Amino acid sequence: QVQLVESGGGLVQAGGSLSVSCAASGRTISNYAVGWFRQAPGKEREFVAVISSGGGGTSYADSVKGRFTISRNMAKNTAYLQMNSLKPEDTAVYYCAAGVRYSTRQREYDFWGQGTQVTVSS
């Protein structure tokens, strides 16, 4: 089993930056793709970004492209989401997930973290 724990969320002003982390334990996630998803109040959870198992492939939702960067550190068994130029509409609970397939679809992911709150004030 893989346990995922997100951290680094918080409150930031619009235009600011924040980095969230996803630390894995129980098993290495080096063979897993890692995705970030988010859920805003009253909305469904949506795809944000994904990085391939080797780290060479990434994909982003159009709404965050050019502002967010996903990365991973194999030695630390951790993935990251660097968020720049944050907007109030980025406010959400951010979840990381690990899965065998490189995918933007939530159903492809086997392991999920508990989420971390990111709030962007205007």
N, C-alpha and C. Protein backbone atom coordinates (compact mmCIF):
# COMPACT_ATOMS: atom_id res chain seq x y z
N GLN A 1 0.82 -1.19 0.00
CA GLN A 1 0.00 0.00 0.00
C GLN A 1 0.87 1.26 0.00
N VAL A 2 0.34 2.29 -0.57
CA VAL A 2 1.01 3.58 -0.60
C VAL A 2 0.19 4.58 0.19
N GLN A 3 0.86 5.29 1.07
CA GLN A 3 0.21 6.38 1.80
C GLN A 3 0.77 7.70 1.27
N LEU A 4 -0.13 8.62 0.99
CA LEU A 4 0.26 9.93 0.48
C LEU A 4 -0.18 11.01 1.46
N VAL A 5 0.71 11.93 1.74
CA VAL A 5 0.39 13.02 2.66
C VAL A 5 0.79 14.34 2.01
N GLU A 6 -0.21 15.21 1.81
CA GLU A 6 0.05 16.53 1.26
C GLU A 6 0.39 17.50 2.37
N SER A 7 1.18 18.49 2.03
CA SER A 7 1.51 19.55 2.98
C SER A 7 1.86 20.81 2.21
N GLY A 8 1.88 21.93 2.92
CA GLY A 8 2.32 23.18 2.31
C GLY A 8 1.20 24.11 1.90
N GLY A 9 -0.03 23.70 2.09
CA GLY A 9 -1.13 24.59 1.76
C GLY A 9 -1.18 25.76 2.72
N GLY A 10 -2.04 26.73 2.42
CA GLY A 10 -2.18 27.88 3.30
C GLY A 10 -2.91 29.02 2.62
N LEU A 11 -2.75 30.20 3.19
CA LEU A 11 -3.40 31.40 2.69
C LEU A 11 -2.37 32.28 2.01
N VAL A 12 -2.70 32.75 0.81
CA VAL A 12 -1.79 33.61 0.06
C VAL A 12 -2.60 34.64 -0.68
N GLN A 13 -2.01 35.80 -0.91
CA GLN A 13 -2.70 36.84 -1.66
C GLN A 13 -2.64 36.56 -3.16
N ALA A 14 -3.60 37.08 -3.88
CA ALA A 14 -3.61 36.94 -5.34
C ALA A 14 -2.30 37.48 -5.91
N GLY A 15 -1.76 36.72 -6.87
CA GLY A 15 -0.48 37.08 -7.46
C GLY A 15 0.70 36.44 -6.78
N GLY A 16 0.46 35.84 -5.62
CA GLY A 16 1.53 35.22 -4.86
C GLY A 16 1.81 33.80 -5.30
N SER A 17 2.73 33.16 -4.57
CA SER A 17 3.15 31.81 -4.90
C SER A 17 3.03 30.90 -3.69
N LEU A 18 2.89 29.61 -3.97
CA LEU A 18 2.80 28.61 -2.91
C LEU A 18 3.26 27.29 -3.51
N SER A 19 3.90 26.49 -2.68
CA SER A 19 4.32 25.16 -3.13
C SER A 19 3.71 24.12 -2.20
N VAL A 20 3.09 23.11 -2.77
CA VAL A 20 2.54 22.02 -1.98
C VAL A 20 3.32 20.75 -2.30
N SER A 21 3.45 19.89 -1.30
CA SER A 21 4.22 18.66 -1.43
C SER A 21 3.33 17.45 -1.21
N CYS A 22 3.77 16.34 -1.76
CA CYS A 22 3.06 15.08 -1.62
C CYS A 22 4.10 14.03 -1.26
N ALA A 23 4.16 13.66 0.01
CA ALA A 23 5.14 12.70 0.48
C ALA A 23 4.52 11.30 0.53
N ALA A 24 5.22 10.36 -0.07
CA ALA A 24 4.72 8.99 -0.11
C ALA A 24 5.47 8.11 0.88
N SER A 25 4.77 7.14 1.43
CA SER A 25 5.38 6.16 2.32
C SER A 25 4.74 4.81 2.09
N GLY A 26 5.37 3.79 2.62
CA GLY A 26 4.85 2.43 2.46
C GLY A 26 5.44 1.71 1.28
N ARG A 27 5.73 2.42 0.23
CA ARG A 27 6.30 1.85 -0.99
C ARG A 27 6.82 2.99 -1.84
N THR A 28 7.83 2.71 -2.63
CA THR A 28 8.31 3.73 -3.54
C THR A 28 7.26 4.02 -4.61
N ILE A 29 7.14 5.28 -5.00
CA ILE A 29 6.21 5.65 -6.06
C ILE A 29 6.95 5.93 -7.36
N SER A 30 8.17 5.48 -7.45
CA SER A 30 8.97 5.76 -8.65
C SER A 30 8.36 5.15 -9.90
N ASN A 31 7.57 4.08 -9.74
CA ASN A 31 6.93 3.45 -10.89
C ASN A 31 5.50 3.94 -11.12
N TYR A 32 5.11 4.96 -10.39
CA TYR A 32 3.76 5.50 -10.50
C TYR A 32 3.78 6.90 -11.09
N ALA A 33 2.78 7.20 -11.88
CA ALA A 33 2.51 8.59 -12.24
C ALA A 33 1.90 9.26 -11.01
N VAL A 34 2.14 10.54 -10.87
CA VAL A 34 1.55 11.30 -9.77
C VAL A 34 0.74 12.46 -10.34
N GLY A 35 -0.47 12.55 -9.88
CA GLY A 35 -1.35 13.62 -10.34
C GLY A 35 -1.75 14.52 -9.19
N TRP A 36 -2.03 15.75 -9.54
CA TRP A 36 -2.62 16.70 -8.59
C TRP A 36 -4.03 17.04 -9.09
N PHE A 37 -4.96 17.05 -8.15
CA PHE A 37 -6.34 17.40 -8.42
C PHE A 37 -6.78 18.42 -7.39
N ARG A 38 -7.86 19.12 -7.66
CA ARG A 38 -8.36 20.08 -6.68
C ARG A 38 -9.87 20.10 -6.68
N GLN A 39 -10.42 20.49 -5.53
CA GLN A 39 -11.87 20.60 -5.39
C GLN A 39 -12.20 21.90 -4.69
N ALA A 40 -12.87 22.77 -5.41
CA ALA A 40 -13.32 24.05 -4.86
C ALA A 40 -14.68 23.85 -4.21
N PRO A 41 -15.05 24.72 -3.27
CA PRO A 41 -16.35 24.60 -2.61
C PRO A 41 -17.50 24.57 -3.61
N GLY A 42 -18.34 23.58 -3.47
CA GLY A 42 -19.51 23.47 -4.33
C GLY A 42 -19.23 22.96 -5.72
N LYS A 43 -17.99 22.55 -5.98
CA LYS A 43 -17.64 22.07 -7.32
C LYS A 43 -17.08 20.66 -7.25
N GLU A 44 -17.05 20.01 -8.40
CA GLU A 44 -16.49 18.67 -8.46
C GLU A 44 -14.96 18.75 -8.48
N ARG A 45 -14.34 17.68 -8.04
CA ARG A 45 -12.89 17.62 -8.08
C ARG A 45 -12.43 17.58 -9.54
N GLU A 46 -11.36 18.32 -9.82
CA GLU A 46 -10.89 18.43 -11.20
C GLU A 46 -9.38 18.21 -11.29
N PHE A 47 -8.96 17.81 -12.46
CA PHE A 47 -7.56 17.58 -12.76
C PHE A 47 -6.79 18.91 -12.78
N VAL A 48 -5.56 18.87 -12.24
CA VAL A 48 -4.69 20.03 -12.26
C VAL A 48 -3.41 19.75 -13.07
N ALA A 49 -2.69 18.68 -12.69
CA ALA A 49 -1.42 18.38 -13.35
C ALA A 49 -1.05 16.92 -13.09
N VAL A 50 -0.21 16.39 -13.97
CA VAL A 50 0.27 15.01 -13.81
C VAL A 50 1.72 14.96 -14.27
N ILE A 51 2.49 14.09 -13.62
CA ILE A 51 3.87 13.85 -14.01
C ILE A 51 4.05 12.34 -14.17
N SER A 52 4.79 11.95 -15.19
CA SER A 52 4.97 10.53 -15.46
C SER A 52 5.88 9.87 -14.43
N SER A 53 5.91 8.55 -14.46
CA SER A 53 6.70 7.81 -13.49
C SER A 53 8.17 8.18 -13.58
N GLY A 54 8.67 8.40 -14.77
CA GLY A 54 10.07 8.76 -14.93
C GLY A 54 10.34 10.24 -14.76
N GLY A 55 9.28 11.03 -14.71
CA GLY A 55 9.44 12.47 -14.56
C GLY A 55 9.61 13.22 -15.86
N GLY A 56 9.68 12.49 -16.98
CA GLY A 56 9.95 13.16 -18.24
C GLY A 56 8.72 13.73 -18.92
N GLY A 57 7.55 13.33 -18.47
CA GLY A 57 6.33 13.80 -19.08
C GLY A 57 5.45 14.53 -18.09
N THR A 58 4.91 15.65 -18.51
CA THR A 58 3.99 16.40 -17.66
C THR A 58 2.82 16.90 -18.50
N SER A 59 1.71 17.13 -17.83
CA SER A 59 0.54 17.67 -18.50
C SER A 59 -0.21 18.53 -17.50
N TYR A 60 -0.86 19.59 -18.01
CA TYR A 60 -1.53 20.54 -17.13
C TYR A 60 -2.92 20.87 -17.65
N ALA A 61 -3.79 21.20 -16.72
CA ALA A 61 -5.08 21.76 -17.10
C ALA A 61 -4.84 23.13 -17.71
N ASP A 62 -5.69 23.50 -18.67
CA ASP A 62 -5.52 24.79 -19.33
C ASP A 62 -5.55 25.95 -18.34
N SER A 63 -6.32 25.79 -17.28
CA SER A 63 -6.51 26.87 -16.32
C SER A 63 -5.26 27.18 -15.52
N VAL A 64 -4.30 26.25 -15.48
CA VAL A 64 -3.08 26.47 -14.69
C VAL A 64 -1.82 26.47 -15.53
N LYS A 65 -1.95 26.18 -16.81
CA LYS A 65 -0.79 26.09 -17.68
C LYS A 65 -0.03 27.42 -17.70
N GLY A 66 1.28 27.32 -17.54
CA GLY A 66 2.11 28.52 -17.51
C GLY A 66 2.26 29.13 -16.13
N ARG A 67 1.44 28.68 -15.17
CA ARG A 67 1.51 29.21 -13.81
C ARG A 67 1.95 28.15 -12.80
N PHE A 68 1.55 26.90 -13.03
CA PHE A 68 1.87 25.81 -12.12
C PHE A 68 2.94 24.91 -12.73
N THR A 69 3.76 24.32 -11.86
CA THR A 69 4.78 23.38 -12.31
C THR A 69 4.78 22.16 -11.39
N ILE A 70 4.64 21.00 -11.99
CA ILE A 70 4.69 19.75 -11.23
C ILE A 70 6.08 19.15 -11.36
N SER A 71 6.56 18.57 -10.28
CA SER A 71 7.88 17.93 -10.30
C SER A 71 7.89 16.80 -9.28
N ARG A 72 8.98 16.04 -9.30
CA ARG A 72 9.09 14.96 -8.32
C ARG A 72 10.56 14.73 -8.00
N ASN A 73 10.78 14.23 -6.79
CA ASN A 73 12.11 13.89 -6.32
C ASN A 73 12.09 12.40 -5.96
N MET A 74 12.71 11.60 -6.80
CA MET A 74 12.66 10.15 -6.58
C MET A 74 13.32 9.75 -5.27
N ALA A 75 14.43 10.38 -4.95
CA ALA A 75 15.17 10.02 -3.74
C ALA A 75 14.34 10.29 -2.49
N LYS A 76 13.50 11.32 -2.55
CA LYS A 76 12.68 11.68 -1.39
C LYS A 76 11.29 11.07 -1.46
N ASN A 77 11.01 10.37 -2.56
CA ASN A 77 9.69 9.75 -2.73
C ASN A 77 8.57 10.78 -2.58
N THR A 78 8.79 11.93 -3.17
CA THR A 78 7.92 13.08 -2.98
C THR A 78 7.66 13.78 -4.31
N ALA A 79 6.45 14.28 -4.46
CA ALA A 79 6.10 15.09 -5.62
C ALA A 79 5.70 16.48 -5.14
N TYR A 80 5.79 17.44 -6.06
CA TYR A 80 5.55 18.82 -5.69
C TYR A 80 4.66 19.50 -6.74
N LEU A 81 4.00 20.55 -6.28
CA LEU A 81 3.26 21.41 -7.20
C LEU A 81 3.60 22.85 -6.83
N GLN A 82 4.36 23.51 -7.69
CA GLN A 82 4.70 24.91 -7.49
C GLN A 82 3.64 25.75 -8.18
N MET A 83 3.03 26.64 -7.41
CA MET A 83 1.94 27.45 -7.93
C MET A 83 2.32 28.93 -7.89
N ASN A 84 2.38 29.55 -9.04
CA ASN A 84 2.72 30.97 -9.15
C ASN A 84 1.54 31.75 -9.71
N SER A 85 1.61 33.05 -9.55
CA SER A 85 0.56 33.95 -10.07
C SER A 85 -0.83 33.44 -9.68
N LEU A 86 -0.97 33.13 -8.42
CA LEU A 86 -2.22 32.54 -7.94
C LEU A 86 -3.39 33.50 -8.05
N LYS A 87 -4.54 32.93 -8.32
CA LYS A 87 -5.78 33.69 -8.48
C LYS A 87 -6.79 33.20 -7.45
N PRO A 88 -7.76 34.03 -7.10
CA PRO A 88 -8.79 33.59 -6.15
C PRO A 88 -9.49 32.31 -6.61
N GLU A 89 -9.63 32.12 -7.89
CA GLU A 89 -10.30 30.92 -8.41
C GLU A 89 -9.44 29.67 -8.26
N ASP A 90 -8.21 29.80 -7.81
CA ASP A 90 -7.38 28.64 -7.50
C ASP A 90 -7.66 28.10 -6.10
N THR A 91 -8.48 28.81 -5.34
CA THR A 91 -8.84 28.37 -4.00
C THR A 91 -9.53 27.02 -4.05
N ALA A 92 -8.99 26.05 -3.32
CA ALA A 92 -9.53 24.69 -3.34
C ALA A 92 -8.74 23.83 -2.37
N VAL A 93 -9.25 22.63 -2.15
CA VAL A 93 -8.47 21.59 -1.49
C VAL A 93 -7.70 20.86 -2.58
N TYR A 94 -6.41 20.76 -2.40
CA TYR A 94 -5.54 20.13 -3.40
C TYR A 94 -5.18 18.72 -2.94
N TYR A 95 -5.39 17.76 -3.84
CA TYR A 95 -5.12 16.35 -3.55
C TYR A 95 -4.03 15.83 -4.50
N CYS A 96 -3.16 15.00 -3.97
CA CYS A 96 -2.25 14.27 -4.84
C CYS A 96 -2.71 12.82 -4.91
N ALA A 97 -2.34 12.17 -6.01
CA ALA A 97 -2.74 10.79 -6.22
C ALA A 97 -1.67 10.07 -7.02
N ALA A 98 -1.57 8.77 -6.82
CA ALA A 98 -0.58 7.95 -7.53
C ALA A 98 -1.29 6.82 -8.26
N GLY A 99 -0.85 6.58 -9.48
CA GLY A 99 -1.45 5.53 -10.27
C GLY A 99 -0.48 4.97 -11.28
N VAL A 100 -0.78 3.79 -11.76
CA VAL A 100 0.10 3.13 -12.71
C VAL A 100 0.09 3.85 -14.04
N ARG A 101 -1.07 4.39 -14.43
CA ARG A 101 -1.19 5.04 -15.73
C ARG A 101 -0.99 6.54 -15.63
N TYR A 102 -0.36 7.08 -16.63
CA TYR A 102 -0.21 8.53 -16.80
C TYR A 102 -1.53 9.03 -17.35
N SER A 103 -2.32 9.70 -16.51
CA SER A 103 -3.68 10.03 -16.90
C SER A 103 -4.16 11.30 -16.25
N THR A 104 -5.13 11.94 -16.89
CA THR A 104 -5.79 13.10 -16.31
C THR A 104 -7.10 12.70 -15.62
N ARG A 105 -7.44 11.42 -15.70
CA ARG A 105 -8.72 10.94 -15.17
C ARG A 105 -8.58 10.40 -13.76
N GLN A 106 -9.40 10.82 -12.87
CA GLN A 106 -9.32 10.44 -11.46
C GLN A 106 -9.43 8.94 -11.26
N ARG A 107 -10.24 8.29 -12.08
CA ARG A 107 -10.48 6.87 -11.88
C ARG A 107 -9.25 6.01 -12.15
N GLU A 108 -8.24 6.60 -12.79
CA GLU A 108 -7.02 5.84 -13.08
C GLU A 108 -6.07 5.79 -11.89
N TYR A 109 -6.38 6.51 -10.82
CA TYR A 109 -5.47 6.62 -9.69
C TYR A 109 -5.91 5.71 -8.55
N ASP A 110 -4.94 5.00 -7.99
CA ASP A 110 -5.21 4.00 -6.96
C ASP A 110 -5.06 4.53 -5.54
N PHE A 111 -4.20 5.49 -5.36
CA PHE A 111 -3.89 5.98 -4.02
C PHE A 111 -4.07 7.50 -3.97
N TRP A 112 -4.67 7.96 -2.87
CA TRP A 112 -4.98 9.38 -2.72
C TRP A 112 -4.55 9.88 -1.37
N GLY A 113 -4.13 11.15 -1.33
CA GLY A 113 -3.87 11.80 -0.06
C GLY A 113 -5.14 12.40 0.51
N GLN A 114 -5.00 13.02 1.67
CA GLN A 114 -6.17 13.56 2.36
C GLN A 114 -6.49 14.99 1.94
N GLY A 115 -5.56 15.62 1.23
CA GLY A 115 -5.79 16.96 0.74
C GLY A 115 -5.21 18.04 1.62
N THR A 116 -4.91 19.17 1.00
CA THR A 116 -4.42 20.34 1.73
C THR A 116 -5.12 21.58 1.17
N GLN A 117 -5.53 22.46 2.08
CA GLN A 117 -6.30 23.63 1.67
C GLN A 117 -5.39 24.74 1.15
N VAL A 118 -5.74 25.28 0.01
CA VAL A 118 -5.08 26.45 -0.55
C VAL A 118 -6.14 27.54 -0.71
N THR A 119 -5.89 28.67 -0.10
CA THR A 119 -6.83 29.78 -0.17
C THR A 119 -6.12 31.00 -0.71
N VAL A 120 -6.68 31.58 -1.77
CA VAL A 120 -6.10 32.75 -2.39
C VAL A 120 -7.04 33.93 -2.19
N SER A 121 -6.58 34.94 -1.50
CA SER A 121 -7.40 36.11 -1.22
C SER A 121 -7.20 37.17 -2.29
N SER A 122 -8.27 37.91 -2.55
CA SER A 122 -8.21 38.93 -3.60
C SER A 122 -7.77 40.28 -3.03
